[in-house]
Amino acid sequence: MVTALENDPDYRKMLRDAGLRVTPQRASIVTILSETDDHPNVEDLYEKVRALDDTVSVATVYRTMSVLENAGLVRKLVMDDAPARYEMMPHTEHDHLVDLESGDLVEIPGTEIAELMSRVAAELGYQIVSHHTVIRARKT
């Protein structure tokens, strides 16, 4: 089986630069994550990856997500009691809003939140190294 990632030298290089082997399973998972904007959880990823490669197990998806997270290629988004969700490491920082009714995860573009937090941290004598804000909200 040949996935889109296996034909994309940039993704192959990205995995290799992170010290990872390019396996068909990793290729399929990174392809799915790169092409989606819905922040899937492991079960969602598993279903989508199985459509590309029916030999992939749910255990492989869990292990691969851990490897990709540890390598700094994906970001794990933890939402209270809900299953963790994932996204490729963003090119630009952004935050997230969780719709409490539907569970939808919405990206908040822009830098206003980061600028405000940096200003507050500086006033307290700190410099932010990293941040990720999750806003929980209900539609009005």
C-alpha atoms as a PDB file:
ATOM      1  CA  MET A   1       0.000   0.000   0.000  1.00  0.00           C
ATOM      2  CA  VAL A   2       1.305   3.475  -0.867  1.00  0.00           C
ATOM      3  CA  THR A   3      -0.019   6.443   1.052  1.00  0.00           C
ATOM      4  CA  ALA A   4       0.136  10.098   0.127  1.00  0.00           C
ATOM      5  CA  LEU A   5       2.871  10.612   2.715  1.00  0.00           C
ATOM      6  CA  GLU A   6       5.143   8.027   1.160  1.00  0.00           C
ATOM      7  CA  ASN A   7       5.129  10.084  -2.032  1.00  0.00           C
ATOM      8  CA  ASP A   8       5.701  13.387  -0.215  1.00  0.00           C
ATOM      9  CA  PRO A   9       9.404  13.928   0.453  1.00  0.00           C
ATOM     10  CA  ASP A  10       8.711  16.782   2.902  1.00  0.00           C
ATOM     11  CA  TYR A  11       6.830  14.482   5.300  1.00  0.00           C
ATOM     12  CA  ARG A  12       9.430  11.756   4.892  1.00  0.00           C
ATOM     13  CA  LYS A  13      12.117  14.326   5.728  1.00  0.00           C
ATOM     14  CA  MET A  14      10.081  15.652   8.658  1.00  0.00           C
ATOM     15  CA  LEU A  15       9.855  12.160  10.170  1.00  0.00           C
ATOM     16  CA  ARG A  16      13.512  11.408   9.508  1.00  0.00           C
ATOM     17  CA  ASP A  17      14.636  14.792  10.900  1.00  0.00           C
ATOM     18  CA  ALA A  18      12.779  13.882  14.095  1.00  0.00           C
ATOM     19  CA  GLY A  19      14.808  10.658  14.231  1.00  0.00           C
ATOM     20  CA  LEU A  20      11.867   8.475  13.215  1.00  0.00           C
ATOM     21  CA  ARG A  21      11.671   5.735  10.632  1.00  0.00           C
ATOM     22  CA  VAL A  22       9.115   6.239   7.880  1.00  0.00           C
ATOM     23  CA  THR A  23       6.764   3.281   8.269  1.00  0.00           C
ATOM     24  CA  PRO A  24       3.523   2.738   6.367  1.00  0.00           C
ATOM     25  CA  GLN A  25       1.569   3.144   9.629  1.00  0.00           C
ATOM     26  CA  ARG A  26       3.243   6.449  10.499  1.00  0.00           C
ATOM     27  CA  ALA A  27       2.814   7.561   6.920  1.00  0.00           C
ATOM     28  CA  SER A  28      -0.920   6.869   7.017  1.00  0.00           C
ATOM     29  CA  ILE A  29      -1.423   8.541  10.399  1.00  0.00           C
ATOM     30  CA  VAL A  30       0.538  11.684   9.503  1.00  0.00           C
ATOM     31  CA  THR A  31      -1.287  11.883   6.178  1.00  0.00           C
ATOM     32  CA  ILE A  32      -4.662  11.793   7.950  1.00  0.00           C
ATOM     33  CA  LEU A  33      -3.590  14.341  10.581  1.00  0.00           C
ATOM     34  CA  SER A  34      -2.154  16.656   7.933  1.00  0.00           C
ATOM     35  CA  GLU A  35      -5.308  16.611   5.854  1.00  0.00           C
ATOM     36  CA  THR A  36      -7.827  17.137   8.658  1.00  0.00           C
ATOM     37  CA  ASP A  37      -8.751  20.160  10.701  1.00  0.00           C
ATOM     38  CA  ASP A  38     -11.160  18.429  13.086  1.00  0.00           C
ATOM     39  CA  HIS A  39      -8.620  17.483  15.788  1.00  0.00           C
ATOM     40  CA  PRO A  40      -9.389  13.745  15.881  1.00  0.00           C
ATOM     41  CA  ASN A  41      -9.012  11.509  18.900  1.00  0.00           C
ATOM     42  CA  VAL A  42      -7.290   8.114  18.615  1.00  0.00           C
ATOM     43  CA  GLU A  43     -10.536   6.281  17.821  1.00  0.00           C
ATOM     44  CA  ASP A  44     -11.353   8.753  15.029  1.00  0.00           C
ATOM     45  CA  LEU A  45      -7.822   8.424  13.661  1.00  0.00           C
ATOM     46  CA  TYR A  46      -8.051   4.654  13.824  1.00  0.00           C
ATOM     47  CA  GLU A  47     -11.244   4.613  11.742  1.00  0.00           C
ATOM     48  CA  LYS A  48      -9.740   6.975   9.144  1.00  0.00           C
ATOM     49  CA  VAL A  49      -6.412   5.124   8.991  1.00  0.00           C
ATOM     50  CA  ARG A  50      -8.182   1.773   8.569  1.00  0.00           C
ATOM     51  CA  ALA A  51      -9.714   3.159   5.369  1.00  0.00           C
ATOM     52  CA  LEU A  52      -6.143   3.605   4.046  1.00  0.00           C
ATOM     53  CA  ASP A  53      -4.558   0.535   5.607  1.00  0.00           C
ATOM     54  CA  ASP A  54      -6.709  -2.219   7.084  1.00  0.00           C
ATOM     55  CA  THR A  55      -3.701  -3.832   8.788  1.00  0.00           C
ATOM     56  CA  VAL A  56      -3.323  -0.993  11.322  1.00  0.00           C
ATOM     57  CA  SER A  57      -4.473  -1.783  14.864  1.00  0.00           C
ATOM     58  CA  VAL A  58      -5.774   0.677  17.448  1.00  0.00           C
ATOM     59  CA  ALA A  59      -2.716  -0.150  19.582  1.00  0.00           C
ATOM     60  CA  THR A  60      -0.485   0.948  16.690  1.00  0.00           C
ATOM     61  CA  VAL A  61      -2.336   4.257  16.487  1.00  0.00           C
ATOM     62  CA  TYR A  62      -1.910   4.846  20.243  1.00  0.00           C
ATOM     63  CA  ARG A  63       1.815   3.990  20.083  1.00  0.00           C
ATOM     64  CA  THR A  64       2.360   6.117  16.980  1.00  0.00           C
ATOM     65  CA  MET A  65       0.614   9.130  18.493  1.00  0.00           C
ATOM     66  CA  SER A  66       2.844   8.861  21.548  1.00  0.00           C
ATOM     67  CA  VAL A  67       5.961   8.630  19.360  1.00  0.00           C
ATOM     68  CA  LEU A  68       4.868  11.588  17.197  1.00  0.00           C
ATOM     69  CA  GLU A  69       4.028  13.677  20.276  1.00  0.00           C
ATOM     70  CA  ASN A  70       7.366  12.896  21.933  1.00  0.00           C
ATOM     71  CA  ALA A  71       9.138  13.830  18.700  1.00  0.00           C
ATOM     72  CA  GLY A  72       7.349  17.196  18.706  1.00  0.00           C
ATOM     73  CA  LEU A  73       5.457  16.548  15.475  1.00  0.00           C
ATOM     74  CA  VAL A  74       1.951  16.503  16.921  1.00  0.00           C
ATOM     75  CA  ARG A  75       0.238  18.317  19.768  1.00  0.00           C
ATOM     76  CA  LYS A  76      -1.998  16.441  22.179  1.00  0.00           C
ATOM     77  CA  LEU A  77      -5.035  18.432  23.284  1.00  0.00           C
ATOM     78  CA  VAL A  78      -6.430  17.268  26.620  1.00  0.00           C
ATOM     79  CA  MET A  79     -10.027  18.276  27.329  1.00  0.00           C
ATOM     80  CA  ASP A  80     -11.204  17.433  30.846  1.00  0.00           C
ATOM     81  CA  ASP A  81     -12.957  14.044  30.792  1.00  0.00           C
ATOM     82  CA  ALA A  82     -13.032  13.707  26.994  1.00  0.00           C
ATOM     83  CA  PRO A  83     -10.536  11.618  25.042  1.00  0.00           C
ATOM     84  CA  ALA A  84      -7.371  13.477  24.034  1.00  0.00           C
ATOM     85  CA  ARG A  85      -7.430  14.978  20.557  1.00  0.00           C
ATOM     86  CA  TYR A  86      -4.523  15.647  18.233  1.00  0.00           C
ATOM     87  CA  GLU A  87      -3.257  18.054  15.635  1.00  0.00           C
ATOM     88  CA  MET A  88      -0.045  18.394  13.696  1.00  0.00           C
ATOM     89  CA  MET A  89       2.199  20.947  15.399  1.00  0.00           C
ATOM     90  CA  PRO A  90       0.885  24.219  14.058  1.00  0.00           C
ATOM     91  CA  HIS A  91       3.005  26.514  11.916  1.00  0.00           C
ATOM     92  CA  THR A  92       1.546  29.419  13.854  1.00  0.00           C
ATOM     93  CA  GLU A  93       0.434  29.409  17.459  1.00  0.00           C
ATOM     94  CA  HIS A  94      -3.289  29.383  18.041  1.00  0.00           C
ATOM     95  CA  ASP A  95      -5.679  28.544  20.810  1.00  0.00           C
ATOM     96  CA  HIS A  96      -8.842  26.475  20.927  1.00  0.00           C
ATOM     97  CA  LEU A  97     -12.465  26.892  21.920  1.00  0.00           C
ATOM     98  CA  VAL A  98     -14.474  23.822  22.907  1.00  0.00           C
ATOM     99  CA  ASP A  99     -18.219  23.961  22.324  1.00  0.00           C
ATOM    100  CA  LEU A 100     -19.599  22.337  25.490  1.00  0.00           C
ATOM    101  CA  GLU A 101     -22.814  21.268  23.771  1.00  0.00           C
ATOM    102  CA  SER A 102     -21.418  19.645  20.630  1.00  0.00           C
ATOM    103  CA  GLY A 103     -17.839  18.925  21.674  1.00  0.00           C
ATOM    104  CA  ASP A 104     -16.584  20.705  18.554  1.00  0.00           C
ATOM    105  CA  LEU A 105     -13.067  22.066  18.813  1.00  0.00           C
ATOM    106  CA  VAL A 106     -12.614  25.413  17.061  1.00  0.00           C
ATOM    107  CA  GLU A 107      -9.246  27.012  16.350  1.00  0.00           C
ATOM    108  CA  ILE A 108      -8.912  30.628  17.447  1.00  0.00           C
ATOM    109  CA  PRO A 109      -6.553  32.349  15.043  1.00  0.00           C
ATOM    110  CA  GLY A 110      -4.610  35.467  15.825  1.00  0.00           C
ATOM    111  CA  THR A 111      -2.206  36.631  18.442  1.00  0.00           C
ATOM    112  CA  GLU A 112      -4.361  38.728  20.772  1.00  0.00           C
ATOM    113  CA  ILE A 113      -4.607  36.054  23.482  1.00  0.00           C
ATOM    114  CA  ALA A 114      -0.871  35.319  23.346  1.00  0.00           C
ATOM    115  CA  GLU A 115      -0.008  39.019  23.471  1.00  0.00           C
ATOM    116  CA  LEU A 116      -2.257  39.561  26.497  1.00  0.00           C
ATOM    117  CA  MET A 117      -0.769  36.586  28.336  1.00  0.00           C
ATOM    118  CA  SER A 118       2.789  37.726  27.518  1.00  0.00           C
ATOM    119  CA  ARG A 119       2.022  41.195  28.840  1.00  0.00           C
ATOM    120  CA  VAL A 120       0.539  39.820  32.066  1.00  0.00           C
ATOM    121  CA  ALA A 121       3.441  37.392  32.529  1.00  0.00           C
ATOM    122  CA  ALA A 122       5.964  40.212  31.948  1.00  0.00           C
ATOM    123  CA  GLU A 123       4.196  42.383  34.528  1.00  0.00           C
ATOM    124  CA  LEU A 124       4.665  39.507  36.985  1.00  0.00           C
ATOM    125  CA  GLY A 125       8.321  39.119  36.004  1.00  0.00           C
ATOM    126  CA  TYR A 126       7.988  36.079  33.737  1.00  0.00           C
ATOM    127  CA  GLN A 127       8.565  35.240  30.101  1.00  0.00           C
ATOM    128  CA  ILE A 128       6.217  32.669  28.581  1.00  0.00           C
ATOM    129  CA  VAL A 129       8.054  29.730  27.078  1.00  0.00           C
ATOM    130  CA  SER A 130       4.948  28.069  25.667  1.00  0.00           C
ATOM    131  CA  HIS A 131       1.220  28.184  26.144  1.00  0.00           C
ATOM    132  CA  HIS A 132      -1.965  26.589  24.951  1.00  0.00           C
ATOM    133  CA  THR A 133      -5.300  28.023  25.901  1.00  0.00           C
ATOM    134  CA  VAL A 134      -8.541  26.051  25.762  1.00  0.00           C
ATOM    135  CA  ILE A 135     -11.707  28.060  26.198  1.00  0.00           C
ATOM    136  CA  ARG A 136     -14.850  26.135  27.099  1.00  0.00           C
ATOM    137  CA  ALA A 137     -17.999  27.854  25.884  1.00  0.00           C
ATOM    138  CA  ARG A 138     -21.667  27.514  24.983  1.00  0.00           C
ATOM    139  CA  LYS A 139     -23.282  29.166  21.995  1.00  0.00           C
ATOM    140  CA  THR A 140     -25.669  31.936  22.913  1.00  0.00           C
END
